[in-house]
Amino acid sequence: MPRVPKRYNHFVFGVIQSGLTCLVAAAIANRPFLSGGSFLSHWLESWLLAWVTMLPIVIFAAPLIRRLVAFLTLDEAASSVSATSATAREQSVPQAGDLER
């Protein structure tokens, strides 16, 4: 099987993620066709339409979503270092009682 270079991994991820998501959503949306026997044809048609529509959106939105996630989340290692530094600064600042001796 041919493999894609690593530099294109975000495109491969987008293709797989959008394809799988649209596959499940189309199956749910076409559930009423189960009883009529035309589920498979409706499902595949709606999946293909949804996937062709969503793939460019997923590919182009992914960098923006990554930036938003990076902004909204905090690196735990950096957070613990910052908290330790803040505690050390608080301990080195003279308190009001220390100055009245």
C-alpha atoms as a PDB file:
ATOM      1  CA  MET A   1       0.000   0.000   0.000  1.00  0.00           C
ATOM      2  CA  PRO A   2       1.444   3.404  -0.904  1.00  0.00           C
ATOM      3  CA  ARG A   3       2.021   5.721   2.025  1.00  0.00           C
ATOM      4  CA  VAL A   4       1.684   9.485   2.264  1.00  0.00           C
ATOM      5  CA  PRO A   5       4.634  11.597   3.506  1.00  0.00           C
ATOM      6  CA  LYS A   6       4.309  12.796   7.139  1.00  0.00           C
ATOM      7  CA  ARG A   7       4.118  16.435   6.097  1.00  0.00           C
ATOM      8  CA  TYR A   8       0.609  15.716   4.755  1.00  0.00           C
ATOM      9  CA  ASN A   9      -0.671  14.010   7.909  1.00  0.00           C
ATOM     10  CA  HIS A  10      -3.184  16.814   8.618  1.00  0.00           C
ATOM     11  CA  PHE A  11      -4.794  16.196   5.208  1.00  0.00           C
ATOM     12  CA  VAL A  12      -4.937  12.439   5.782  1.00  0.00           C
ATOM     13  CA  PHE A  13      -6.435  13.023   9.224  1.00  0.00           C
ATOM     14  CA  GLY A  14      -9.038  15.381   7.731  1.00  0.00           C
ATOM     15  CA  VAL A  15     -10.025  12.878   5.044  1.00  0.00           C
ATOM     16  CA  ILE A  16     -10.433  10.043   7.546  1.00  0.00           C
ATOM     17  CA  GLN A  17     -12.151  12.136  10.229  1.00  0.00           C
ATOM     18  CA  SER A  18     -14.626  13.813   7.883  1.00  0.00           C
ATOM     19  CA  GLY A  19     -15.344  10.546   6.056  1.00  0.00           C
ATOM     20  CA  LEU A  20     -16.068   8.658   9.261  1.00  0.00           C
ATOM     21  CA  THR A  21     -18.141  11.446  10.796  1.00  0.00           C
ATOM     22  CA  CYS A  22     -20.228  11.875   7.650  1.00  0.00           C
ATOM     23  CA  LEU A  23     -20.664   8.092   7.367  1.00  0.00           C
ATOM     24  CA  VAL A  24     -22.189   7.894  10.844  1.00  0.00           C
ATOM     25  CA  ALA A  25     -24.288  11.046  10.450  1.00  0.00           C
ATOM     26  CA  ALA A  26     -25.654   9.889   7.090  1.00  0.00           C
ATOM     27  CA  ALA A  27     -26.563   6.499   8.553  1.00  0.00           C
ATOM     28  CA  ILE A  28     -28.480   8.156  11.374  1.00  0.00           C
ATOM     29  CA  ALA A  29     -30.232  10.578   9.026  1.00  0.00           C
ATOM     30  CA  ASN A  30     -31.268   7.775   6.656  1.00  0.00           C
ATOM     31  CA  ARG A  31     -32.630   5.457   9.332  1.00  0.00           C
ATOM     32  CA  PRO A  32     -36.231   5.913   8.098  1.00  0.00           C
ATOM     33  CA  PHE A  33     -35.255   4.173   4.834  1.00  0.00           C
ATOM     34  CA  LEU A  34     -34.433   0.927   6.689  1.00  0.00           C
ATOM     35  CA  SER A  35     -37.996  -0.337   6.459  1.00  0.00           C
ATOM     36  CA  GLY A  36     -38.361   0.484   2.755  1.00  0.00           C
ATOM     37  CA  GLY A  37     -35.303  -1.462   1.671  1.00  0.00           C
ATOM     38  CA  SER A  38     -33.600   1.535   0.058  1.00  0.00           C
ATOM     39  CA  PHE A  39     -31.364   2.401   3.013  1.00  0.00           C
ATOM     40  CA  LEU A  40     -28.036   1.529   1.382  1.00  0.00           C
ATOM     41  CA  SER A  41     -28.512   3.626  -1.759  1.00  0.00           C
ATOM     42  CA  HIS A  42     -29.818   6.647   0.191  1.00  0.00           C
ATOM     43  CA  TRP A  43     -27.083   6.255   2.805  1.00  0.00           C
ATOM     44  CA  LEU A  44     -24.229   6.113   0.299  1.00  0.00           C
ATOM     45  CA  GLU A  45     -25.612   9.021  -1.722  1.00  0.00           C
ATOM     46  CA  SER A  46     -26.077  11.255   1.309  1.00  0.00           C
ATOM     47  CA  TRP A  47     -22.701  10.182   2.767  1.00  0.00           C
ATOM     48  CA  LEU A  48     -20.887  11.102  -0.438  1.00  0.00           C
ATOM     49  CA  LEU A  49     -22.619  14.488  -0.634  1.00  0.00           C
ATOM     50  CA  ALA A  50     -21.910  15.217   3.035  1.00  0.00           C
ATOM     51  CA  TRP A  51     -18.282  14.108   2.753  1.00  0.00           C
ATOM     52  CA  VAL A  52     -17.578  16.170  -0.365  1.00  0.00           C
ATOM     53  CA  THR A  53     -19.103  19.158   1.420  1.00  0.00           C
ATOM     54  CA  MET A  54     -17.361  18.671   4.778  1.00  0.00           C
ATOM     55  CA  LEU A  55     -13.873  17.678   3.623  1.00  0.00           C
ATOM     56  CA  PRO A  56     -12.752  21.179   2.568  1.00  0.00           C
ATOM     57  CA  ILE A  57     -14.305  22.669   5.701  1.00  0.00           C
ATOM     58  CA  VAL A  58     -12.454  20.219   7.954  1.00  0.00           C
ATOM     59  CA  ILE A  59      -9.153  20.727   6.104  1.00  0.00           C
ATOM     60  CA  PHE A  60      -9.315  24.530   6.229  1.00  0.00           C
ATOM     61  CA  ALA A  61     -10.829  24.825   9.706  1.00  0.00           C
ATOM     62  CA  ALA A  62      -8.345  22.454  11.389  1.00  0.00           C
ATOM     63  CA  PRO A  63      -5.519  25.021  11.820  1.00  0.00           C
ATOM     64  CA  LEU A  64      -7.943  27.552  13.297  1.00  0.00           C
ATOM     65  CA  ILE A  65      -9.403  24.950  15.623  1.00  0.00           C
ATOM     66  CA  ARG A  66      -5.902  23.911  16.756  1.00  0.00           C
ATOM     67  CA  ARG A  67      -5.056  27.545  17.572  1.00  0.00           C
ATOM     68  CA  LEU A  68      -8.323  27.984  19.461  1.00  0.00           C
ATOM     69  CA  VAL A  69      -7.716  24.787  21.443  1.00  0.00           C
ATOM     70  CA  ALA A  70      -4.165  25.918  22.259  1.00  0.00           C
ATOM     71  CA  PHE A  71      -5.543  29.249  23.473  1.00  0.00           C
ATOM     72  CA  LEU A  72      -8.305  27.672  25.579  1.00  0.00           C
ATOM     73  CA  THR A  73      -6.141  25.010  27.212  1.00  0.00           C
ATOM     74  CA  LEU A  74      -3.211  25.222  29.565  1.00  0.00           C
ATOM     75  CA  ASP A  75      -0.060  23.130  29.438  1.00  0.00           C
ATOM     76  CA  GLU A  76       0.014  21.329  32.784  1.00  0.00           C
ATOM     77  CA  ALA A  77       3.814  21.281  32.978  1.00  0.00           C
ATOM     78  CA  ALA A  78       4.026  25.029  32.338  1.00  0.00           C
ATOM     79  CA  SER A  79       1.191  25.588  34.784  1.00  0.00           C
ATOM     80  CA  SER A  80       2.968  23.761  37.604  1.00  0.00           C
ATOM     81  CA  VAL A  81       6.214  25.642  36.908  1.00  0.00           C
ATOM     82  CA  SER A  82       4.333  28.952  36.962  1.00  0.00           C
ATOM     83  CA  ALA A  83       2.578  28.038  40.195  1.00  0.00           C
ATOM     84  CA  THR A  84       5.885  27.054  41.797  1.00  0.00           C
ATOM     85  CA  SER A  85       7.491  30.308  40.668  1.00  0.00           C
ATOM     86  CA  ALA A  86       4.570  32.331  42.015  1.00  0.00           C
ATOM     87  CA  THR A  87       4.775  30.538  45.371  1.00  0.00           C
ATOM     88  CA  ALA A  88       8.516  31.211  45.573  1.00  0.00           C
ATOM     89  CA  ARG A  89       7.964  34.905  44.795  1.00  0.00           C
ATOM     90  CA  GLU A  90       5.258  35.153  47.453  1.00  0.00           C
ATOM     91  CA  GLN A  91       7.560  33.590  50.033  1.00  0.00           C
ATOM     92  CA  SER A  92      10.435  35.959  49.239  1.00  0.00           C
ATOM     93  CA  VAL A  93       8.292  39.124  49.529  1.00  0.00           C
ATOM     94  CA  PRO A  94       8.475  40.558  53.065  1.00  0.00           C
ATOM     95  CA  GLN A  95       5.170  40.497  54.893  1.00  0.00           C
ATOM     96  CA  ALA A  96       3.779  43.460  56.875  1.00  0.00           C
ATOM     97  CA  GLY A  97       4.566  41.761  60.194  1.00  0.00           C
ATOM     98  CA  ASP A  98       8.192  41.197  59.165  1.00  0.00           C
ATOM     99  CA  LEU A  99       8.785  44.932  58.712  1.00  0.00           C
ATOM    100  CA  GLU A 100       7.518  45.959  62.226  1.00  0.00           C
ATOM    101  CA  ARG A 101      10.283  44.280  64.284  1.00  0.00           C
END
